[in-house]
Each structure stands twice: as C-alpha cells, then as structure tokens.
All heavy atoms as atom14 arrays in JSON, in Angstrom:
{
  "sequence": "LFEYWGHEASLLPLSLYPLLRWRMRQASQGVGIYQEMAKFGR",
  "atom14_mask": [
    [1, 1, 1, 1, 1, 1, 1, 1, 0, 0, 0, 0, 0, 0],
    [1, 1, 1, 1, 1, 1, 1, 1, 1, 1, 1, 0, 0, 0],
    [1, 1, 1, 1, 1, 1, 1, 1, 1, 0, 0, 0, 0, 0],
    [1, 1, 1, 1, 1, 1, 1, 1, 1, 1, 1, 1, 0, 0],
    [1, 1, 1, 1, 1, 1, 1, 1, 1, 1, 1, 1, 1, 1],
    [1, 1, 1, 1, 0, 0, 0, 0, 0, 0, 0, 0, 0, 0],
    [1, 1, 1, 1, 1, 1, 1, 1, 1, 1, 0, 0, 0, 0],
    [1, 1, 1, 1, 1, 1, 1, 1, 1, 0, 0, 0, 0, 0],
    [1, 1, 1, 1, 1, 0, 0, 0, 0, 0, 0, 0, 0, 0],
    [1, 1, 1, 1, 1, 1, 0, 0, 0, 0, 0, 0, 0, 0],
    [1, 1, 1, 1, 1, 1, 1, 1, 0, 0, 0, 0, 0, 0],
    [1, 1, 1, 1, 1, 1, 1, 1, 0, 0, 0, 0, 0, 0],
    [1, 1, 1, 1, 1, 1, 1, 0, 0, 0, 0, 0, 0, 0],
    [1, 1, 1, 1, 1, 1, 1, 1, 0, 0, 0, 0, 0, 0],
    [1, 1, 1, 1, 1, 1, 0, 0, 0, 0, 0, 0, 0, 0],
    [1, 1, 1, 1, 1, 1, 1, 1, 0, 0, 0, 0, 0, 0],
    [1, 1, 1, 1, 1, 1, 1, 1, 1, 1, 1, 1, 0, 0],
    [1, 1, 1, 1, 1, 1, 1, 0, 0, 0, 0, 0, 0, 0],
    [1, 1, 1, 1, 1, 1, 1, 1, 0, 0, 0, 0, 0, 0],
    [1, 1, 1, 1, 1, 1, 1, 1, 0, 0, 0, 0, 0, 0],
    [1, 1, 1, 1, 1, 1, 1, 1, 1, 1, 1, 0, 0, 0],
    [1, 1, 1, 1, 1, 1, 1, 1, 1, 1, 1, 1, 1, 1],
    [1, 1, 1, 1, 1, 1, 1, 1, 1, 1, 1, 0, 0, 0],
    [1, 1, 1, 1, 1, 1, 1, 1, 0, 0, 0, 0, 0, 0],
    [1, 1, 1, 1, 1, 1, 1, 1, 1, 1, 1, 0, 0, 0],
    [1, 1, 1, 1, 1, 1, 1, 1, 1, 0, 0, 0, 0, 0],
    [1, 1, 1, 1, 1, 0, 0, 0, 0, 0, 0, 0, 0, 0],
    [1, 1, 1, 1, 1, 1, 0, 0, 0, 0, 0, 0, 0, 0],
    [1, 1, 1, 1, 1, 1, 1, 1, 1, 0, 0, 0, 0, 0],
    [1, 1, 1, 1, 0, 0, 0, 0, 0, 0, 0, 0, 0, 0],
    [1, 1, 1, 1, 1, 1, 1, 0, 0, 0, 0, 0, 0, 0],
    [1, 1, 1, 1, 0, 0, 0, 0, 0, 0, 0, 0, 0, 0],
    [1, 1, 1, 1, 1, 1, 1, 1, 0, 0, 0, 0, 0, 0],
    [1, 1, 1, 1, 1, 1, 1, 1, 1, 1, 1, 1, 0, 0],
    [1, 1, 1, 1, 1, 1, 1, 1, 1, 0, 0, 0, 0, 0],
    [1, 1, 1, 1, 1, 1, 1, 1, 1, 0, 0, 0, 0, 0],
    [1, 1, 1, 1, 1, 1, 1, 1, 0, 0, 0, 0, 0, 0],
    [1, 1, 1, 1, 1, 0, 0, 0, 0, 0, 0, 0, 0, 0],
    [1, 1, 1, 1, 1, 1, 1, 1, 1, 0, 0, 0, 0, 0],
    [1, 1, 1, 1, 1, 1, 1, 1, 1, 1, 1, 0, 0, 0],
    [1, 1, 1, 1, 0, 0, 0, 0, 0, 0, 0, 0, 0, 0],
    [1, 1, 1, 1, 1, 1, 1, 1, 1, 1, 1, 0, 0, 0]
  ],
  "atom14_positions": [
    [[23.79, -10.28, 12.92], [22.41, -10.13, 12.46], [21.44, -10.71, 13.49], [21.83, -11.44, 14.39], [22.2, -10.86, 11.12], [23.21, -10.6, 9.99], [22.86, -11.46, 8.78], [23.25, -9.13, 9.62], [0.0, 0.0, 0.0], [0.0, 0.0, 0.0], [0.0, 0.0, 0.0], [0.0, 0.0, 0.0], [0.0, 0.0, 0.0], [0.0, 0.0, 0.0]],
    [[20.18, -10.39, 13.31], [19.13, -11.02, 14.1], [17.92, -11.25, 13.2], [17.79, -10.63, 12.14], [18.75, -10.16, 15.31], [17.98, -8.9, 14.98], [16.61, -8.81, 15.18], [18.64, -7.77, 14.46], [15.91, -7.65, 14.87], [17.95, -6.6, 14.16], [16.58, -6.54, 14.37], [0.0, 0.0, 0.0], [0.0, 0.0, 0.0], [0.0, 0.0, 0.0]],
    [[17.08, -12.17, 13.61], [15.86, -12.45, 12.86], [14.68, -11.72, 13.48], [14.52, -11.7, 14.7], [15.55, -13.95, 12.85], [16.41, -14.77, 11.91], [15.85, -16.17, 11.68], [14.63, -16.3, 11.45], [16.65, -17.12, 11.76], [0.0, 0.0, 0.0], [0.0, 0.0, 0.0], [0.0, 0.0, 0.0], [0.0, 0.0, 0.0], [0.0, 0.0, 0.0]],
    [[13.86, -11.13, 12.62], [12.62, -10.54, 13.09], [11.75, -10.21, 11.88], [12.14, -10.44, 10.73], [12.88, -9.29, 13.95], [11.64, -8.86, 14.72], [11.05, -9.72, 15.63], [11.04, -7.62, 14.5], [9.9, -9.37, 16.32], [9.88, -7.26, 15.19], [9.32, -8.14, 16.09], [8.17, -7.8, 16.75], [0.0, 0.0, 0.0], [0.0, 0.0, 0.0]],
    [[10.57, -9.66, 12.19], [9.66, -9.23, 11.12], [10.09, -7.86, 10.63], [9.75, -6.83, 11.21], [8.22, -9.2, 11.65], [7.74, -10.56, 12.07], [7.57, -11.04, 13.33], [7.38, -11.63, 11.19], [7.14, -12.33, 13.31], [7.0, -12.73, 12.01], [7.34, -11.78, 9.8], [6.61, -13.95, 11.48], [6.94, -13.0, 9.28], [6.57, -14.06, 10.11]],
    [[10.9, -7.83, 9.57], [11.34, -6.59, 8.96], [10.49, -6.33, 7.74], [9.51, -5.6, 7.75], [0.0, 0.0, 0.0], [0.0, 0.0, 0.0], [0.0, 0.0, 0.0], [0.0, 0.0, 0.0], [0.0, 0.0, 0.0], [0.0, 0.0, 0.0], [0.0, 0.0, 0.0], [0.0, 0.0, 0.0], [0.0, 0.0, 0.0], [0.0, 0.0, 0.0]],
    [[10.9, -6.96, 6.63], [10.04, -7.04, 5.44], [9.67, -8.51, 5.35], [10.41, -9.32, 4.81], [10.82, -6.6, 4.2], [10.0, -6.62, 2.94], [9.36, -5.51, 2.46], [9.7, -7.63, 2.09], [8.71, -5.82, 1.35], [8.91, -7.1, 1.1], [0.0, 0.0, 0.0], [0.0, 0.0, 0.0], [0.0, 0.0, 0.0], [0.0, 0.0, 0.0]],
    [[8.53, -8.88, 5.89], [8.23, -10.29, 6.15], [9.29, -10.86, 7.11], [9.97, -10.11, 7.79], [8.14, -11.09, 4.83], [7.1, -10.56, 3.86], [5.67, -10.63, 4.4], [5.37, -11.53, 5.2], [4.86, -9.76, 4.05], [0.0, 0.0, 0.0], [0.0, 0.0, 0.0], [0.0, 0.0, 0.0], [0.0, 0.0, 0.0], [0.0, 0.0, 0.0]],
    [[9.44, -12.18, 7.17], [10.49, -12.78, 7.99], [11.83, -12.38, 7.41], [12.07, -12.54, 6.21], [10.34, -14.3, 8.0], [0.0, 0.0, 0.0], [0.0, 0.0, 0.0], [0.0, 0.0, 0.0], [0.0, 0.0, 0.0], [0.0, 0.0, 0.0], [0.0, 0.0, 0.0], [0.0, 0.0, 0.0], [0.0, 0.0, 0.0], [0.0, 0.0, 0.0]],
    [[12.73, -11.87, 8.25], [13.93, -11.24, 7.72], [15.14, -11.46, 8.62], [15.02, -11.67, 9.82], [13.71, -9.71, 7.59], [12.58, -9.41, 6.82], [0.0, 0.0, 0.0], [0.0, 0.0, 0.0], [0.0, 0.0, 0.0], [0.0, 0.0, 0.0], [0.0, 0.0, 0.0], [0.0, 0.0, 0.0], [0.0, 0.0, 0.0], [0.0, 0.0, 0.0]],
    [[16.31, -11.37, 7.99], [17.58, -11.19, 8.69], [17.92, -9.71, 8.62], [17.88, -9.11, 7.52], [18.68, -12.01, 8.04], [18.72, -13.51, 8.34], [19.69, -14.21, 7.4], [19.11, -13.76, 9.79], [0.0, 0.0, 0.0], [0.0, 0.0, 0.0], [0.0, 0.0, 0.0], [0.0, 0.0, 0.0], [0.0, 0.0, 0.0], [0.0, 0.0, 0.0]],
    [[18.26, -9.11, 9.76], [18.53, -7.68, 9.82], [19.81, -7.43, 10.6], [20.16, -8.19, 11.5], [17.38, -6.95, 10.51], [15.98, -7.18, 9.94], [15.13, -7.97, 10.92], [15.3, -5.88, 9.6], [0.0, 0.0, 0.0], [0.0, 0.0, 0.0], [0.0, 0.0, 0.0], [0.0, 0.0, 0.0], [0.0, 0.0, 0.0], [0.0, 0.0, 0.0]],
    [[20.53, -6.34, 10.28], [21.73, -6.0, 11.06], [21.35, -5.61, 12.48], [20.28, -5.03, 12.72], [22.33, -4.82, 10.29], [21.24, -4.28, 9.44], [20.31, -5.41, 9.15], [0.0, 0.0, 0.0], [0.0, 0.0, 0.0], [0.0, 0.0, 0.0], [0.0, 0.0, 0.0], [0.0, 0.0, 0.0], [0.0, 0.0, 0.0], [0.0, 0.0, 0.0]],
    [[22.23, -5.91, 13.42], [21.95, -5.61, 14.83], [21.68, -4.12, 15.07], [20.96, -3.75, 16.0], [23.13, -6.05, 15.7], [23.31, -7.57, 15.85], [24.64, -7.88, 16.54], [22.14, -8.19, 16.62], [0.0, 0.0, 0.0], [0.0, 0.0, 0.0], [0.0, 0.0, 0.0], [0.0, 0.0, 0.0], [0.0, 0.0, 0.0], [0.0, 0.0, 0.0]],
    [[22.23, -3.27, 14.2], [22.02, -1.83, 14.36], [20.55, -1.44, 14.24], [20.14, -0.38, 14.72], [22.84, -1.06, 13.31], [22.46, -1.45, 12.0], [0.0, 0.0, 0.0], [0.0, 0.0, 0.0], [0.0, 0.0, 0.0], [0.0, 0.0, 0.0], [0.0, 0.0, 0.0], [0.0, 0.0, 0.0], [0.0, 0.0, 0.0], [0.0, 0.0, 0.0]],
    [[19.73, -2.29, 13.62], [18.31, -1.98, 13.46], [17.45, -2.51, 14.61], [16.25, -2.22, 14.67], [17.78, -2.54, 12.14], [18.31, -1.89, 10.85], [17.54, -2.4, 9.64], [18.21, -0.37, 10.92], [0.0, 0.0, 0.0], [0.0, 0.0, 0.0], [0.0, 0.0, 0.0], [0.0, 0.0, 0.0], [0.0, 0.0, 0.0], [0.0, 0.0, 0.0]],
    [[18.04, -3.27, 15.52], [17.25, -3.84, 16.62], [16.52, -2.75, 17.43], [15.31, -2.88, 17.68], [18.15, -4.68, 17.53], [17.39, -5.52, 18.54], [16.94, -6.79, 18.21], [17.13, -5.04, 19.83], [16.25, -7.56, 19.14], [16.45, -5.8, 20.75], [16.0, -7.06, 20.41], [15.31, -7.82, 21.32], [0.0, 0.0, 0.0], [0.0, 0.0, 0.0]],
    [[17.2, -1.65, 17.81], [16.48, -0.61, 18.56], [15.33, 0.01, 17.76], [14.36, 0.5, 18.35], [17.57, 0.44, 18.85], [18.86, -0.32, 18.77], [18.64, -1.34, 17.69], [0.0, 0.0, 0.0], [0.0, 0.0, 0.0], [0.0, 0.0, 0.0], [0.0, 0.0, 0.0], [0.0, 0.0, 0.0], [0.0, 0.0, 0.0], [0.0, 0.0, 0.0]],
    [[15.43, -0.01, 16.43], [14.39, 0.6, 15.59], [13.17, -0.3, 15.43], [12.17, 0.13, 14.84], [14.95, 0.93, 14.2], [16.13, 1.9, 14.14], [16.49, 2.22, 12.7], [15.82, 3.19, 14.89], [0.0, 0.0, 0.0], [0.0, 0.0, 0.0], [0.0, 0.0, 0.0], [0.0, 0.0, 0.0], [0.0, 0.0, 0.0], [0.0, 0.0, 0.0]],
    [[13.25, -1.53, 15.94], [12.13, -2.45, 15.8], [11.52, -2.86, 17.14], [10.57, -3.64, 17.17], [12.56, -3.7, 15.02], [12.77, -3.43, 13.53], [13.58, -4.54, 12.88], [11.42, -3.28, 12.82], [0.0, 0.0, 0.0], [0.0, 0.0, 0.0], [0.0, 0.0, 0.0], [0.0, 0.0, 0.0], [0.0, 0.0, 0.0], [0.0, 0.0, 0.0]],
    [[12.03, -2.3, 18.22], [11.47, -2.66, 19.53], [10.03, -2.15, 19.69], [9.23, -2.75, 20.41], [12.36, -2.13, 20.65], [13.73, -2.8, 20.65], [14.58, -2.46, 21.84], [14.22, -3.31, 22.99], [15.05, -3.56, 23.99], [16.28, -3.06, 23.98], [14.68, -4.32, 24.99], [0.0, 0.0, 0.0], [0.0, 0.0, 0.0], [0.0, 0.0, 0.0]],
    [[9.69, -1.05, 19.02], [8.31, -0.57, 19.08], [7.36, -1.62, 18.51], [6.24, -1.79, 19.02], [8.15, 0.75, 18.31], [8.36, 0.6, 16.82], [9.54, 0.66, 16.16], [7.36, 0.33, 15.85], [9.35, 0.44, 14.81], [8.02, 0.23, 14.59], [5.97, 0.15, 15.88], [7.34, -0.03, 13.4], [5.3, -0.12, 14.7], [5.99, -0.2, 13.47]],
    [[7.82, -2.32, 17.47], [6.98, -3.36, 16.86], [6.8, -4.52, 17.84], [5.72, -5.13, 17.91], [7.61, -3.82, 15.55], [6.8, -4.85, 14.78], [7.32, -5.0, 13.35], [6.91, -3.87, 12.53], [7.39, -3.63, 11.31], [8.32, -4.42, 10.78], [6.95, -2.59, 10.62], [0.0, 0.0, 0.0], [0.0, 0.0, 0.0], [0.0, 0.0, 0.0]],
    [[7.84, -4.83, 18.59], [7.75, -5.89, 19.6], [6.79, -5.47, 20.71], [5.97, -6.28, 21.16], [9.14, -6.17, 20.17], [10.15, -6.67, 19.14], [11.83, -6.81, 19.83], [12.79, -7.1, 18.33], [0.0, 0.0, 0.0], [0.0, 0.0, 0.0], [0.0, 0.0, 0.0], [0.0, 0.0, 0.0], [0.0, 0.0, 0.0], [0.0, 0.0, 0.0]],
    [[6.88, -4.21, 21.13], [5.96, -3.71, 22.17], [4.51, -3.8, 21.7], [3.62, -4.25, 22.44], [6.29, -2.27, 22.54], [7.58, -2.07, 23.31], [7.66, -0.69, 23.92], [7.66, 0.39, 22.93], [8.76, 0.91, 22.38], [9.95, 0.45, 22.73], [8.68, 1.9, 21.51], [0.0, 0.0, 0.0], [0.0, 0.0, 0.0], [0.0, 0.0, 0.0]],
    [[4.28, -3.39, 20.46], [2.91, -3.44, 19.93], [2.42, -4.88, 19.81], [1.26, -5.18, 20.11], [2.85, -2.75, 18.57], [2.96, -1.24, 18.65], [2.54, -0.55, 17.36], [2.31, -1.19, 16.34], [2.43, 0.77, 17.41], [0.0, 0.0, 0.0], [0.0, 0.0, 0.0], [0.0, 0.0, 0.0], [0.0, 0.0, 0.0], [0.0, 0.0, 0.0]],
    [[3.31, -5.78, 19.37], [2.92, -7.18, 19.22], [2.48, -7.77, 20.56], [1.51, -8.54, 20.64], [4.07, -7.99, 18.65], [0.0, 0.0, 0.0], [0.0, 0.0, 0.0], [0.0, 0.0, 0.0], [0.0, 0.0, 0.0], [0.0, 0.0, 0.0], [0.0, 0.0, 0.0], [0.0, 0.0, 0.0], [0.0, 0.0, 0.0], [0.0, 0.0, 0.0]],
    [[3.17, -7.39, 21.64], [2.82, -7.91, 22.97], [1.43, -7.42, 23.41], [0.81, -8.03, 24.28], [3.87, -7.49, 24.0], [3.81, -6.09, 24.24], [0.0, 0.0, 0.0], [0.0, 0.0, 0.0], [0.0, 0.0, 0.0], [0.0, 0.0, 0.0], [0.0, 0.0, 0.0], [0.0, 0.0, 0.0], [0.0, 0.0, 0.0], [0.0, 0.0, 0.0]],
    [[0.96, -6.34, 22.76], [-0.37, -5.81, 23.05], [-1.4, -6.26, 22.01], [-2.54, -5.8, 22.01], [-0.32, -4.29, 23.1], [0.61, -3.75, 24.19], [1.04, -2.31, 23.93], [0.52, -1.64, 23.05], [2.01, -1.84, 24.72], [0.0, 0.0, 0.0], [0.0, 0.0, 0.0], [0.0, 0.0, 0.0], [0.0, 0.0, 0.0], [0.0, 0.0, 0.0]],
    [[-0.97, -7.15, 21.1], [-1.88, -7.68, 20.09], [-2.07, -6.77, 18.9], [-3.0, -6.95, 18.11], [0.0, 0.0, 0.0], [0.0, 0.0, 0.0], [0.0, 0.0, 0.0], [0.0, 0.0, 0.0], [0.0, 0.0, 0.0], [0.0, 0.0, 0.0], [0.0, 0.0, 0.0], [0.0, 0.0, 0.0], [0.0, 0.0, 0.0], [0.0, 0.0, 0.0]],
    [[-1.17, -5.79, 18.73], [-1.27, -4.82, 17.63], [-0.23, -5.16, 16.56], [0.92, -5.46, 16.86], [-1.04, -3.38, 18.15], [-1.08, -2.38, 16.99], [-2.06, -3.04, 19.21], [0.0, 0.0, 0.0], [0.0, 0.0, 0.0], [0.0, 0.0, 0.0], [0.0, 0.0, 0.0], [0.0, 0.0, 0.0], [0.0, 0.0, 0.0], [0.0, 0.0, 0.0]],
    [[-0.65, -5.1, 15.28], [0.28, -5.3, 14.18], [0.66, -6.74, 13.93], [1.61, -7.02, 13.21], [0.0, 0.0, 0.0], [0.0, 0.0, 0.0], [0.0, 0.0, 0.0], [0.0, 0.0, 0.0], [0.0, 0.0, 0.0], [0.0, 0.0, 0.0], [0.0, 0.0, 0.0], [0.0, 0.0, 0.0], [0.0, 0.0, 0.0], [0.0, 0.0, 0.0]],
    [[-0.09, -7.69, 14.52], [0.15, -9.12, 14.27], [-1.15, -9.75, 13.77], [-2.21, -9.13, 13.8], [0.66, -9.84, 15.53], [-0.3, -9.66, 16.7], [2.06, -9.36, 15.91], [0.09, -10.42, 17.97], [0.0, 0.0, 0.0], [0.0, 0.0, 0.0], [0.0, 0.0, 0.0], [0.0, 0.0, 0.0], [0.0, 0.0, 0.0], [0.0, 0.0, 0.0]],
    [[-1.05, -10.98, 13.29], [-2.23, -11.67, 12.79], [-3.3, -11.77, 13.87], [-3.0, -11.95, 15.06], [-1.87, -13.07, 12.3], [-0.9, -13.09, 11.15], [0.35, -13.67, 11.29], [-1.23, -12.52, 9.92], [1.26, -13.7, 10.23], [-0.34, -12.53, 8.87], [0.9, -13.12, 9.02], [1.79, -13.12, 7.98], [0.0, 0.0, 0.0], [0.0, 0.0, 0.0]],
    [[-4.54, -11.68, 13.47], [-5.65, -11.69, 14.44], [-5.65, -12.95, 15.29], [-5.9, -12.9, 16.49], [-6.99, -11.55, 13.7], [-7.24, -10.16, 13.15], [-8.62, -10.03, 12.53], [-9.39, -10.99, 12.48], [-8.96, -8.84, 12.05], [0.0, 0.0, 0.0], [0.0, 0.0, 0.0], [0.0, 0.0, 0.0], [0.0, 0.0, 0.0], [0.0, 0.0, 0.0]],
    [[-5.37, -14.1, 14.64], [-5.37, -15.35, 15.39], [-4.28, -15.36, 16.46], [-4.48, -15.87, 17.56], [-5.18, -16.54, 14.43], [-6.43, -16.94, 13.68], [-7.55, -17.38, 14.62], [-7.28, -18.2, 15.53], [-8.68, -16.89, 14.47], [0.0, 0.0, 0.0], [0.0, 0.0, 0.0], [0.0, 0.0, 0.0], [0.0, 0.0, 0.0], [0.0, 0.0, 0.0]],
    [[-3.12, -14.77, 16.13], [-2.03, -14.71, 17.1], [-2.38, -13.74, 18.23], [-2.08, -14.0, 19.41], [-0.72, -14.32, 16.45], [0.48, -14.42, 17.39], [2.05, -14.02, 16.6], [2.21, -15.44, 15.51], [0.0, 0.0, 0.0], [0.0, 0.0, 0.0], [0.0, 0.0, 0.0], [0.0, 0.0, 0.0], [0.0, 0.0, 0.0], [0.0, 0.0, 0.0]],
    [[-2.99, -12.62, 17.88], [-3.4, -11.66, 18.91], [-4.41, -12.3, 19.86], [-4.32, -12.13, 21.09], [-3.99, -10.41, 18.25], [0.0, 0.0, 0.0], [0.0, 0.0, 0.0], [0.0, 0.0, 0.0], [0.0, 0.0, 0.0], [0.0, 0.0, 0.0], [0.0, 0.0, 0.0], [0.0, 0.0, 0.0], [0.0, 0.0, 0.0], [0.0, 0.0, 0.0]],
    [[-5.35, -13.05, 19.3], [-6.35, -13.75, 20.11], [-5.67, -14.78, 21.02], [-6.01, -14.9, 22.21], [-7.36, -14.44, 19.2], [-8.45, -15.2, 19.94], [-9.39, -15.91, 18.96], [-10.45, -16.71, 19.72], [-11.31, -17.49, 18.79], [0.0, 0.0, 0.0], [0.0, 0.0, 0.0], [0.0, 0.0, 0.0], [0.0, 0.0, 0.0], [0.0, 0.0, 0.0]],
    [[-4.7, -15.51, 20.46], [-3.95, -16.48, 21.26], [-3.25, -15.79, 22.42], [-3.24, -16.29, 23.55], [-2.94, -17.21, 20.37], [-2.19, -18.31, 21.06], [-2.69, -19.6, 21.08], [-0.99, -18.05, 21.7], [-2.0, -20.62, 21.74], [-0.29, -19.06, 22.36], [-0.8, -20.35, 22.38], [0.0, 0.0, 0.0], [0.0, 0.0, 0.0], [0.0, 0.0, 0.0]],
    [[-2.66, -14.63, 22.15], [-1.96, -13.89, 23.19], [-2.88, -13.45, 24.31], [-2.48, -13.4, 25.48], [0.0, 0.0, 0.0], [0.0, 0.0, 0.0], [0.0, 0.0, 0.0], [0.0, 0.0, 0.0], [0.0, 0.0, 0.0], [0.0, 0.0, 0.0], [0.0, 0.0, 0.0], [0.0, 0.0, 0.0], [0.0, 0.0, 0.0], [0.0, 0.0, 0.0]],
    [[-4.12, -13.12, 23.97], [-5.09, -12.7, 25.0], [-5.58, -13.89, 25.83], [-5.79, -13.77, 27.03], [-6.29, -12.0, 24.34], [-5.99, -10.65, 23.72], [-7.28, -9.93, 23.36], [-8.11, -10.69, 22.42], [-8.02, -10.61, 21.1], [-7.1, -9.82, 20.55], [-8.82, -11.32, 20.32], [0.0, 0.0, 0.0], [0.0, 0.0, 0.0], [0.0, 0.0, 0.0]]
  ]
}
C-alpha cells in the first residue's frame, strides 16, 4: 500500500499509484490543494 490523498488521507493499493500521479502533478502546480498550501508552494 501507499499513503496519499485518495478519499481524504488514505491508504491505497500500489496498483492505484499510476492513477493518482495526475493529482500529484496538479498539486505541484498549486491546483487541487488548499489555497494556503498552494500559496506556500509559490
């Protein structure tokens, strides 16, 4: 398993990791995360 934002903070099977990399890419651009965290990232 791995931890990530699935349905809130979640444990997910490794088979779903490729299906959530888009969310990681968006988060790095400040999309789909809390405004304060996006601001911190910038």
